[in-house]
Amino acid sequence: MTTADLVDSVKNVTARIRGLKDMVVVGTRETADLTVTVIARGKRRESSRQRLVYQESDTGSVLKSQPVFVDTWWLAARIGVVATGDR
């Protein structure tokens, strides 16, 4: 994973938080009640099921089984909470 990937992930998380009614994105850690640190992100591809494909040609017809792939995107983050007495 590159630094650009992490920066993109931070931008994505920030945009999602900005869209929430009960959350506000602040400029510094010192003014935050909650911090989110993006550690890693990735994608996993796996075959979840099979589908049947029928093909017809001049030489005959064929019924094939093909895998159906599903991509799962993941994000690892550390969440920090500021205790009330720490400010």
PDB file of N, CA and C in Angstrom:
ATOM      1  N   MET A   1       0.829  -1.160   0.000  1.00  0.00           N
ATOM      2  CA  MET A   1       0.000   0.000   0.000  1.00  0.00           C
ATOM      3  C   MET A   1       0.887   1.240   0.000  1.00  0.00           C
ATOM      4  N   THR A   2       0.468   2.239  -0.742  1.00  0.00           N
ATOM      5  CA  THR A   2       1.256   3.465  -0.843  1.00  0.00           C
ATOM      6  C   THR A   2       0.673   4.552   0.052  1.00  0.00           C
ATOM      7  N   THR A   3       1.431   5.611   0.211  1.00  0.00           N
ATOM      8  CA  THR A   3       0.947   6.765   0.965  1.00  0.00           C
ATOM      9  C   THR A   3      -0.287   7.355   0.296  1.00  0.00           C
ATOM     10  N   ALA A   4      -0.314   7.342  -1.029  1.00  0.00           N
ATOM     11  CA  ALA A   4      -1.479   7.864  -1.763  1.00  0.00           C
ATOM     12  C   ALA A   4      -2.738   7.079  -1.423  1.00  0.00           C
ATOM     13  N   ASP A   5      -2.616   5.756  -1.252  1.00  0.00           N
ATOM     14  CA  ASP A   5      -3.761   4.929  -0.860  1.00  0.00           C
ATOM     15  C   ASP A   5      -4.296   5.351   0.503  1.00  0.00           C
ATOM     16  N   LEU A   6      -3.387   5.594   1.448  1.00  0.00           N
ATOM     17  CA  LEU A   6      -3.796   6.016   2.786  1.00  0.00           C
ATOM     18  C   LEU A   6      -4.458   7.393   2.746  1.00  0.00           C
ATOM     19  N   VAL A   7      -3.901   8.299   1.961  1.00  0.00           N
ATOM     20  CA  VAL A   7      -4.484   9.642   1.834  1.00  0.00           C
ATOM     21  C   VAL A   7      -5.882   9.545   1.238  1.00  0.00           C
ATOM     22  N   ASP A   8      -6.058   8.712   0.231  1.00  0.00           N
ATOM     23  CA  ASP A   8      -7.392   8.508  -0.360  1.00  0.00           C
ATOM     24  C   ASP A   8      -8.364   7.957   0.673  1.00  0.00           C
ATOM     25  N   SER A   9      -7.903   7.023   1.491  1.00  0.00           N
ATOM     26  CA  SER A   9      -8.755   6.438   2.525  1.00  0.00           C
ATOM     27  C   SER A   9      -9.164   7.478   3.556  1.00  0.00           C
ATOM     28  N   VAL A  10      -8.228   8.329   3.956  1.00  0.00           N
ATOM     29  CA  VAL A  10      -8.536   9.392   4.919  1.00  0.00           C
ATOM     30  C   VAL A  10      -9.570  10.344   4.319  1.00  0.00           C
ATOM     31  N   LYS A  11      -9.408  10.692   3.056  1.00  0.00           N
ATOM     32  CA  LYS A  11     -10.388  11.560   2.384  1.00  0.00           C
ATOM     33  C   LYS A  11     -11.771  10.903   2.351  1.00  0.00           C
ATOM     34  N   ASN A  12     -11.812   9.608   2.058  1.00  0.00           N
ATOM     35  CA  ASN A  12     -13.090   8.886   2.010  1.00  0.00           C
ATOM     36  C   ASN A  12     -13.768   8.858   3.375  1.00  0.00           C
ATOM     37  N   VAL A  13     -12.998   8.556   4.435  1.00  0.00           N
ATOM     38  CA  VAL A  13     -13.554   8.508   5.784  1.00  0.00           C
ATOM     39  C   VAL A  13     -14.026   9.904   6.208  1.00  0.00           C
ATOM     40  N   THR A  14     -13.233  10.914   5.916  1.00  0.00           N
ATOM     41  CA  THR A  14     -13.609  12.288   6.263  1.00  0.00           C
ATOM     42  C   THR A  14     -14.910  12.687   5.574  1.00  0.00           C
ATOM     43  N   ALA A  15     -15.040  12.351   4.311  1.00  0.00           N
ATOM     44  CA  ALA A  15     -16.270  12.683   3.576  1.00  0.00           C
ATOM     45  C   ALA A  15     -17.484  11.976   4.182  1.00  0.00           C
ATOM     46  N   ARG A  16     -17.311  10.726   4.578  1.00  0.00           N
ATOM     47  CA  ARG A  16     -18.424   9.988   5.199  1.00  0.00           C
ATOM     48  C   ARG A  16     -18.811  10.605   6.540  1.00  0.00           C
ATOM     49  N   ILE A  17     -17.819  11.003   7.333  1.00  0.00           N
ATOM     50  CA  ILE A  17     -18.103  11.614   8.637  1.00  0.00           C
ATOM     51  C   ILE A  17     -18.793  12.965   8.448  1.00  0.00           C
ATOM     52  N   ARG A  18     -18.351  13.742   7.465  1.00  0.00           N
ATOM     53  CA  ARG A  18     -18.992  15.037   7.198  1.00  0.00           C
ATOM     54  C   ARG A  18     -20.474  14.866   6.849  1.00  0.00           C
ATOM     55  N   GLY A  19     -20.831  13.718   6.294  1.00  0.00           N
ATOM     56  CA  GLY A  19     -22.210  13.455   5.920  1.00  0.00           C
ATOM     57  C   GLY A  19     -23.105  13.031   7.075  1.00  0.00           C
ATOM     58  N   LEU A  20     -22.529  12.778   8.251  1.00  0.00           N
ATOM     59  CA  LEU A  20     -23.312  12.360   9.416  1.00  0.00           C
ATOM     60  C   LEU A  20     -23.863  13.581  10.149  1.00  0.00           C
ATOM     61  N   LYS A  21     -25.064  13.456  10.681  1.00  0.00           N
ATOM     62  CA  LYS A  21     -25.704  14.575  11.384  1.00  0.00           C
ATOM     63  C   LYS A  21     -25.056  14.886  12.726  1.00  0.00           C
ATOM     64  N   ASP A  22     -24.650  13.863  13.464  1.00  0.00           N
ATOM     65  CA  ASP A  22     -24.165  14.053  14.829  1.00  0.00           C
ATOM     66  C   ASP A  22     -22.647  14.164  14.941  1.00  0.00           C
ATOM     67  N   MET A  23     -21.938  14.294  13.829  1.00  0.00           N
ATOM     68  CA  MET A  23     -20.475  14.361  13.861  1.00  0.00           C
ATOM     69  C   MET A  23     -20.007  15.627  13.150  1.00  0.00           C
ATOM     70  N   VAL A  24     -18.896  16.186  13.653  1.00  0.00           N
ATOM     71  CA  VAL A  24     -18.283  17.357  13.042  1.00  0.00           C
ATOM     72  C   VAL A  24     -16.799  17.064  12.897  1.00  0.00           C
ATOM     73  N   VAL A  25     -16.237  17.334  11.732  1.00  0.00           N
ATOM     74  CA  VAL A  25     -14.803  17.165  11.507  1.00  0.00           C
ATOM     75  C   VAL A  25     -14.118  18.444  11.974  1.00  0.00           C
ATOM     76  N   VAL A  26     -13.109  18.302  12.851  1.00  0.00           N
ATOM     77  CA  VAL A  26     -12.366  19.454  13.362  1.00  0.00           C
ATOM     78  C   VAL A  26     -10.959  19.453  12.784  1.00  0.00           C
ATOM     79  N   GLY A  27     -10.263  20.577  12.948  1.00  0.00           N
ATOM     80  CA  GLY A  27      -8.967  20.741  12.314  1.00  0.00           C
ATOM     81  C   GLY A  27      -7.783  20.102  13.010  1.00  0.00           C
ATOM     82  N   THR A  28      -7.863  19.899  14.332  1.00  0.00           N
ATOM     83  CA  THR A  28      -6.702  19.375  15.054  1.00  0.00           C
ATOM     84  C   THR A  28      -7.110  18.258  16.008  1.00  0.00           C
ATOM     85  N   ARG A  29      -6.138  17.425  16.346  1.00  0.00           N
ATOM     86  CA  ARG A  29      -6.376  16.351  17.325  1.00  0.00           C
ATOM     87  C   ARG A  29      -6.751  16.910  18.694  1.00  0.00           C
ATOM     88  N   GLU A  30      -6.158  18.042  19.031  1.00  0.00           N
ATOM     89  CA  GLU A  30      -6.369  18.620  20.360  1.00  0.00           C
ATOM     90  C   GLU A  30      -7.826  19.036  20.591  1.00  0.00           C
ATOM     91  N   THR A  31      -8.547  19.357  19.544  1.00  0.00           N
ATOM     92  CA  THR A  31      -9.948  19.777  19.693  1.00  0.00           C
ATOM     93  C   THR A  31     -10.931  18.641  19.433  1.00  0.00           C
ATOM     94  N   ALA A  32     -10.421  17.457  19.155  1.00  0.00           N
ATOM     95  CA  ALA A  32     -11.297  16.322  18.813  1.00  0.00           C
ATOM     96  C   ALA A  32     -11.685  15.522  20.058  1.00  0.00           C
ATOM     97  N   ASP A  33     -12.910  15.024  20.057  1.00  0.00           N
ATOM     98  CA  ASP A  33     -13.362  14.092  21.094  1.00  0.00           C
ATOM     99  C   ASP A  33     -13.088  12.652  20.667  1.00  0.00           C
ATOM    100  N   LEU A  34     -12.962  12.459  19.367  1.00  0.00           N
ATOM    101  CA  LEU A  34     -12.772  11.127  18.788  1.00  0.00           C
ATOM    102  C   LEU A  34     -11.791  11.263  17.636  1.00  0.00           C
ATOM    103  N   THR A  35     -10.790  10.381  17.575  1.00  0.00           N
ATOM    104  CA  THR A  35      -9.851  10.395  16.448  1.00  0.00           C
ATOM    105  C   THR A  35      -9.926   9.064  15.708  1.00  0.00           C
ATOM    106  N   VAL A  36      -9.758   9.130  14.406  1.00  0.00           N
ATOM    107  CA  VAL A  36      -9.732   7.932  13.562  1.00  0.00           C
ATOM    108  C   VAL A  36      -8.415   7.950  12.803  1.00  0.00           C
ATOM    109  N   THR A  37      -7.600   6.919  13.016  1.00  0.00           N
ATOM    110  CA  THR A  37      -6.314   6.797  12.334  1.00  0.00           C
ATOM    111  C   THR A  37      -6.396   5.630  11.359  1.00  0.00           C
ATOM    112  N   VAL A  38      -6.251   5.919  10.065  1.00  0.00           N
ATOM    113  CA  VAL A  38      -6.296   4.862   9.042  1.00  0.00           C
ATOM    114  C   VAL A  38      -4.954   4.145   9.043  1.00  0.00           C
ATOM    115  N   ILE A  39      -4.999   2.823   9.211  1.00  0.00           N
ATOM    116  CA  ILE A  39      -3.780   2.015   9.289  1.00  0.00           C
ATOM    117  C   ILE A  39      -3.491   1.316   7.962  1.00  0.00           C
ATOM    118  N   ALA A  40      -4.519   0.753   7.365  1.00  0.00           N
ATOM    119  CA  ALA A  40      -4.340   0.003   6.112  1.00  0.00           C
ATOM    120  C   ALA A  40      -5.680  -0.115   5.408  1.00  0.00           C
ATOM    121  N   ARG A  41      -5.624  -0.460   4.141  1.00  0.00           N
ATOM    122  CA  ARG A  41      -6.836  -0.769   3.392  1.00  0.00           C
ATOM    123  C   ARG A  41      -6.488  -1.804   2.337  1.00  0.00           C
ATOM    124  N   GLY A  42      -7.511  -2.460   1.820  1.00  0.00           N
ATOM    125  CA  GLY A  42      -7.243  -3.469   0.806  1.00  0.00           C
ATOM    126  C   GLY A  42      -8.504  -3.969   0.151  1.00  0.00           C
ATOM    127  N   LYS A  43      -8.310  -4.933  -0.725  1.00  0.00           N
ATOM    128  CA  LYS A  43      -9.416  -5.529  -1.460  1.00  0.00           C
ATOM    129  C   LYS A  43      -9.197  -7.029  -1.512  1.00  0.00           C
ATOM    130  N   ARG A  44     -10.268  -7.759  -1.271  1.00  0.00           N
ATOM    131  CA  ARG A  44     -10.207  -9.220  -1.361  1.00  0.00           C
ATOM    132  C   ARG A  44     -11.191  -9.653  -2.430  1.00  0.00           C
ATOM    133  N   ARG A  45     -10.765 -10.519  -3.309  1.00  0.00           N
ATOM    134  CA  ARG A  45     -11.626 -11.052  -4.360  1.00  0.00           C
ATOM    135  C   ARG A  45     -11.809 -12.531  -4.111  1.00  0.00           C
ATOM    136  N   GLU A  46     -13.058 -12.956  -4.129  1.00  0.00           N
ATOM    137  CA  GLU A  46     -13.318 -14.377  -3.928  1.00  0.00           C
ATOM    138  C   GLU A  46     -14.485 -14.815  -4.794  1.00  0.00           C
ATOM    139  N   SER A  47     -14.496 -16.084  -5.091  1.00  0.00           N
ATOM    140  CA  SER A  47     -15.586 -16.669  -5.852  1.00  0.00           C
ATOM    141  C   SER A  47     -16.684 -17.065  -4.867  1.00  0.00           C
ATOM    142  N   SER A  48     -17.858 -16.468  -5.033  1.00  0.00           N
ATOM    143  CA  SER A  48     -18.918 -16.721  -4.062  1.00  0.00           C
ATOM    144  C   SER A  48     -19.882 -17.816  -4.518  1.00  0.00           C
ATOM    145  N   ARG A  49     -20.000 -18.008  -5.829  1.00  0.00           N
ATOM    146  CA  ARG A  49     -20.917 -19.023  -6.347  1.00  0.00           C
ATOM    147  C   ARG A  49     -20.556 -19.317  -7.799  1.00  0.00           C
ATOM    148  N   GLN A  50     -21.301 -20.198  -8.406  1.00  0.00           N
ATOM    149  CA  GLN A  50     -21.079 -20.575  -9.805  1.00  0.00           C
ATOM    150  C   GLN A  50     -22.320 -20.215 -10.625  1.00  0.00           C
ATOM    151  N   ARG A  51     -22.116 -19.914 -11.890  1.00  0.00           N
ATOM    152  CA  ARG A  51     -23.256 -19.723 -12.791  1.00  0.00           C
ATOM    153  C   ARG A  51     -23.055 -20.591 -14.024  1.00  0.00           C
ATOM    154  N   LEU A  52     -24.155 -21.012 -14.597  1.00  0.00           N
ATOM    155  CA  LEU A  52     -24.113 -21.835 -15.804  1.00  0.00           C
ATOM    156  C   LEU A  52     -24.227 -20.938 -17.029  1.00  0.00           C
ATOM    157  N   VAL A  53     -23.365 -21.189 -18.013  1.00  0.00           N
ATOM    158  CA  VAL A  53     -23.363 -20.422 -19.256  1.00  0.00           C
ATOM    159  C   VAL A  53     -23.543 -21.388 -20.414  1.00  0.00           C
ATOM    160  N   TYR A  54     -24.543 -21.119 -21.248  1.00  0.00           N
ATOM    161  CA  TYR A  54     -24.820 -21.965 -22.415  1.00  0.00           C
ATOM    162  C   TYR A  54     -24.261 -21.270 -23.644  1.00  0.00           C
ATOM    163  N   GLN A  55     -23.424 -22.011 -24.411  1.00  0.00           N
ATOM    164  CA  GLN A  55     -22.849 -21.465 -25.634  1.00  0.00           C
ATOM    165  C   GLN A  55     -23.149 -22.404 -26.791  1.00  0.00           C
ATOM    166  N   GLU A  56     -23.568 -21.808 -27.882  1.00  0.00           N
ATOM    167  CA  GLU A  56     -23.887 -22.585 -29.074  1.00  0.00           C
ATOM    168  C   GLU A  56     -22.996 -22.108 -30.210  1.00  0.00           C
ATOM    169  N   SER A  57     -22.440 -23.071 -30.963  1.00  0.00           N
ATOM    170  CA  SER A  57     -21.580 -22.726 -32.099  1.00  0.00           C
ATOM    171  C   SER A  57     -21.835 -23.722 -33.221  1.00  0.00           C
ATOM    172  N   ASP A  58     -21.078 -23.561 -34.310  1.00  0.00           N
ATOM    173  CA  ASP A  58     -21.218 -24.470 -35.457  1.00  0.00           C
ATOM    174  C   ASP A  58     -20.822 -25.894 -35.099  1.00  0.00           C
ATOM    175  N   THR A  59     -19.942 -26.047 -34.125  1.00  0.00           N
ATOM    176  CA  THR A  59     -19.455 -27.376 -33.750  1.00  0.00           C
ATOM    177  C   THR A  59     -20.320 -28.058 -32.685  1.00  0.00           C
ATOM    178  N   GLY A  60     -21.276 -27.335 -32.124  1.00  0.00           N
ATOM    179  CA  GLY A  60     -22.149 -27.922 -31.103  1.00  0.00           C
ATOM    180  C   GLY A  60     -22.438 -26.937 -29.986  1.00  0.00           C
ATOM    181  N   SER A  61     -23.090 -27.420 -28.970  1.00  0.00           N
ATOM    182  CA  SER A  61     -23.425 -26.567 -27.834  1.00  0.00           C
ATOM    183  C   SER A  61     -22.701 -27.060 -26.581  1.00  0.00           C
ATOM    184  N   VAL A  62     -22.419 -26.119 -25.704  1.00  0.00           N
ATOM    185  CA  VAL A  62     -21.667 -26.422 -24.490  1.00  0.00           C
ATOM    186  C   VAL A  62     -22.322 -25.708 -23.308  1.00  0.00           C
ATOM    187  N   LEU A  63     -22.422 -26.421 -22.200  1.00  0.00           N
ATOM    188  CA  LEU A  63     -22.893 -25.829 -20.951  1.00  0.00           C
ATOM    189  C   LEU A  63     -21.701 -25.780 -20.001  1.00  0.00           C
ATOM    190  N   LYS A  64     -21.304 -24.562 -19.614  1.00  0.00           N
ATOM    191  CA  LYS A  64     -20.120 -24.384 -18.763  1.00  0.00           C
ATOM    192  C   LYS A  64     -20.520 -23.808 -17.421  1.00  0.00           C
ATOM    193  N   SER A  65     -19.732 -24.139 -16.428  1.00  0.00           N
ATOM    194  CA  SER A  65     -19.883 -23.554 -15.106  1.00  0.00           C
ATOM    195  C   SER A  65     -18.774 -22.523 -14.922  1.00  0.00           C
ATOM    196  N   GLN A  66     -19.153 -21.275 -14.589  1.00  0.00           N
ATOM    197  CA  GLN A  66     -18.169 -20.214 -14.393  1.00  0.00           C
ATOM    198  C   GLN A  66     -18.321 -19.621 -13.007  1.00  0.00           C
ATOM    199  N   PRO A  67     -17.204 -19.262 -12.379  1.00  0.00           N
ATOM    200  CA  PRO A  67     -17.301 -18.645 -11.047  1.00  0.00           C
ATOM    201  C   PRO A  67     -17.812 -17.208 -11.143  1.00  0.00           C
ATOM    202  N   VAL A  68     -18.526 -16.776 -10.123  1.00  0.00           N
ATOM    203  CA  VAL A  68     -18.952 -15.391  -9.983  1.00  0.00           C
ATOM    204  C   VAL A  68     -18.088 -14.787  -8.874  1.00  0.00           C
ATOM    205  N   PHE A  69     -17.369 -13.734  -9.199  1.00  0.00           N
ATOM    206  CA  PHE A  69     -16.446 -13.130  -8.241  1.00  0.00           C
ATOM    207  C   PHE A  69     -17.084 -11.951  -7.524  1.00  0.00           C
ATOM    208  N   VAL A  70     -16.745 -11.812  -6.262  1.00  0.00           N
ATOM    209  CA  VAL A  70     -17.215 -10.710  -5.435  1.00  0.00           C
ATOM    210  C   VAL A  70     -15.999 -10.019  -4.845  1.00  0.00           C
ATOM    211  N   ASP A  71     -15.944  -8.694  -4.973  1.00  0.00           N
ATOM    212  CA  ASP A  71     -14.861  -7.913  -4.385  1.00  0.00           C
ATOM    213  C   ASP A  71     -15.323  -7.334  -3.058  1.00  0.00           C
ATOM    214  N   THR A  72     -14.498  -7.507  -2.039  1.00  0.00           N
ATOM    215  CA  THR A  72     -14.776  -6.944  -0.727  1.00  0.00           C
ATOM    216  C   THR A  72     -13.661  -5.955  -0.395  1.00  0.00           C
ATOM    217  N   TRP A  73     -14.044  -4.689  -0.156  1.00  0.00           N
ATOM    218  CA  TRP A  73     -13.075  -3.670   0.227  1.00  0.00           C
ATOM    219  C   TRP A  73     -13.057  -3.574   1.744  1.00  0.00           C
ATOM    220  N   TRP A  74     -11.872  -3.435   2.338  1.00  0.00           N
ATOM    221  CA  TRP A  74     -11.774  -3.345   3.785  1.00  0.00           C
ATOM    222  C   TRP A  74     -10.863  -2.186   4.173  1.00  0.00           C
ATOM    223  N   LEU A  75     -11.060  -1.736   5.401  1.00  0.00           N
ATOM    224  CA  LEU A  75     -10.279  -0.638   5.947  1.00  0.00           C
ATOM    225  C   LEU A  75      -9.980  -0.950   7.402  1.00  0.00           C
ATOM    226  N   ALA A  76      -8.721  -0.829   7.789  1.00  0.00           N
ATOM    227  CA  ALA A  76      -8.332  -1.002   9.193  1.00  0.00           C
ATOM    228  C   ALA A  76      -8.035   0.376   9.770  1.00  0.00           C
ATOM    229  N   ALA A  77      -8.657   0.666  10.910  1.00  0.00           N
ATOM    230  CA  ALA A  77      -8.466   1.980  11.528  1.00  0.00           C
ATOM    231  C   ALA A  77      -8.384   1.831  13.043  1.00  0.00           C
ATOM    232  N   ARG A  78      -7.718   2.774  13.659  1.00  0.00           N
ATOM    233  CA  ARG A  78      -7.650   2.845  15.117  1.00  0.00           C
ATOM    234  C   ARG A  78      -8.505   4.025  15.545  1.00  0.00           C
ATOM    235  N   ILE A  79      -9.412   3.807  16.483  1.00  0.00           N
ATOM    236  CA  ILE A  79     -10.281   4.865  16.971  1.00  0.00           C
ATOM    237  C   ILE A  79      -9.847   5.230  18.381  1.00  0.00           C
ATOM    238  N   GLY A  80      -9.620   6.501  18.606  1.00  0.00           N
ATOM    239  CA  GLY A  80      -9.227   6.992  19.920  1.00  0.00           C
ATOM    240  C   GLY A  80     -10.324   7.879  20.493  1.00  0.00           C
ATOM    241  N   VAL A  81     -10.605   7.724  21.771  1.00  0.00           N
ATOM    242  CA  VAL A  81     -11.626   8.519  22.448  1.00  0.00           C
ATOM    243  C   VAL A  81     -10.941   9.322  23.552  1.00  0.00           C
ATOM    244  N   VAL A  82     -11.233  10.617  23.593  1.00  0.00           N
ATOM    245  CA  VAL A  82     -10.663  11.484  24.607  1.00  0.00           C
ATOM    246  C   VAL A  82     -11.542  11.415  25.845  1.00  0.00           C
ATOM    247  N   ALA A  83     -10.928  11.106  26.986  1.00  0.00           N
ATOM    248  CA  ALA A  83     -11.685  11.056  28.234  1.00  0.00           C
ATOM    249  C   ALA A  83     -12.081  12.474  28.644  1.00  0.00           C
ATOM    250  N   THR A  84     -13.227  12.620  29.269  1.00  0.00           N
ATOM    251  CA  THR A  84     -13.762  13.927  29.639  1.00  0.00           C
ATOM    252  C   THR A  84     -12.783  14.740  30.477  1.00  0.00           C
ATOM    253  N   GLY A  85     -12.076  14.141  31.397  1.00  0.00           N
ATOM    254  CA  GLY A  85     -11.154  14.865  32.277  1.00  0.00           C
ATOM    255  C   GLY A  85      -9.813  15.192  31.653  1.00  0.00           C
ATOM    256  N   ASP A  86      -9.556  14.731  30.428  1.00  0.00           N
ATOM    257  CA  ASP A  86      -8.255  14.942  29.788  1.00  0.00           C
ATOM    258  C   ASP A  86      -8.108  16.319  29.137  1.00  0.00           C
ATOM    259  N   ARG A  87      -9.149  17.146  29.169  1.00  0.00           N
ATOM    260  CA  ARG A  87      -9.068  18.463  28.526  1.00  0.00           C
ATOM    261  C   ARG A  87      -8.991  19.568  29.527  1.00  0.00           C
TER     262      ARG A  87
END
